């Protein structure tokens, strides 16, 4: 798996994932908040399986 999630994208994914999980644990949004595991995992592993299909790459590489 080649990294395709950049720094800003990664930070936003991790933040959104943690917020959704916290809201779910707090009983604010119910079980749907556990969907936050997806952006959290893609942020941690720096790979989004949908990006290659869509031709997107937000990860800057040094040449």
Protein backbone atom coordinates (compact mmCIF):
# COMPACT_ATOMS: atom_id res chain seq x y z
CA UNK A 1 0.00 0.00 0.00
CA UNK A 2 1.46 3.28 -1.12
CA UNK A 3 0.56 6.30 1.02
CA UNK A 4 -1.99 8.50 -0.72
CA UNK A 5 -3.31 10.63 2.17
CA UNK A 6 -1.48 13.91 2.81
CA UNK A 7 -0.77 15.68 6.09
CA UNK A 8 -3.80 17.98 6.22
CA UNK A 9 -6.10 15.24 4.93
CA UNK A 10 -4.69 12.85 7.53
CA UNK A 11 -5.17 15.30 10.41
CA UNK A 12 -8.78 16.00 9.42
CA UNK A 13 -9.59 12.30 9.07
CA UNK A 14 -8.16 11.48 12.50
CA UNK A 15 -9.96 14.43 14.14
CA UNK A 16 -13.33 13.60 12.54
CA UNK A 17 -12.96 9.93 13.42
CA UNK A 18 -12.17 10.66 17.06
CA UNK A 19 -15.02 13.17 17.34
CA UNK A 20 -17.56 10.72 15.90
CA UNK A 21 -16.40 7.93 18.22
CA UNK A 22 -16.47 10.26 21.25
CA UNK A 23 -20.01 11.43 20.38
CA UNK A 24 -21.09 7.81 20.05
CA UNK A 25 -19.55 6.86 23.39
CA UNK A 26 -21.26 9.88 24.98
CA UNK A 27 -24.64 8.73 23.67
CA UNK A 28 -25.14 11.86 21.57
CA UNK A 29 -25.40 10.25 18.12
CA UNK A 30 -25.88 6.57 18.91
CA UNK A 31 -24.20 3.65 17.18
CA UNK A 32 -23.77 5.55 13.90
CA UNK A 33 -20.80 7.31 15.46
CA UNK A 34 -18.75 4.13 15.17
CA UNK A 35 -18.51 4.88 11.44
CA UNK A 36 -15.74 7.17 12.67
CA UNK A 37 -13.48 4.12 12.71
CA UNK A 38 -13.17 4.39 8.92
CA UNK A 39 -11.70 7.89 8.71
CA UNK A 40 -9.60 7.15 11.80
CA UNK A 41 -8.09 4.03 10.20
CA UNK A 42 -7.44 5.72 6.85
CA UNK A 43 -5.77 8.61 8.67
CA UNK A 44 -3.57 6.35 10.76
CA UNK A 45 -2.50 4.12 7.87
CA UNK A 46 -2.26 7.06 5.38
CA UNK A 47 -4.08 5.02 2.74
CA UNK A 48 -7.60 5.47 1.44
CA UNK A 49 -8.84 2.62 -0.78
CA UNK A 50 -11.21 4.95 -2.66
CA UNK A 51 -8.49 7.38 -3.72
CA UNK A 52 -6.83 5.13 -6.36
CA UNK A 53 -10.24 4.41 -7.88
CA UNK A 54 -10.91 8.14 -8.15
CA UNK A 55 -7.38 9.08 -9.20
CA UNK A 56 -6.78 11.23 -6.11
CA UNK A 57 -3.48 11.53 -4.25
CA UNK A 58 -3.09 14.21 -1.57
CA UNK A 59 0.29 12.94 -0.36
CA UNK A 60 3.21 15.09 -1.46
CA UNK A 61 6.37 13.16 -2.18
CA UNK A 62 9.92 14.38 -2.46
CA UNK A 63 11.34 13.74 -5.90
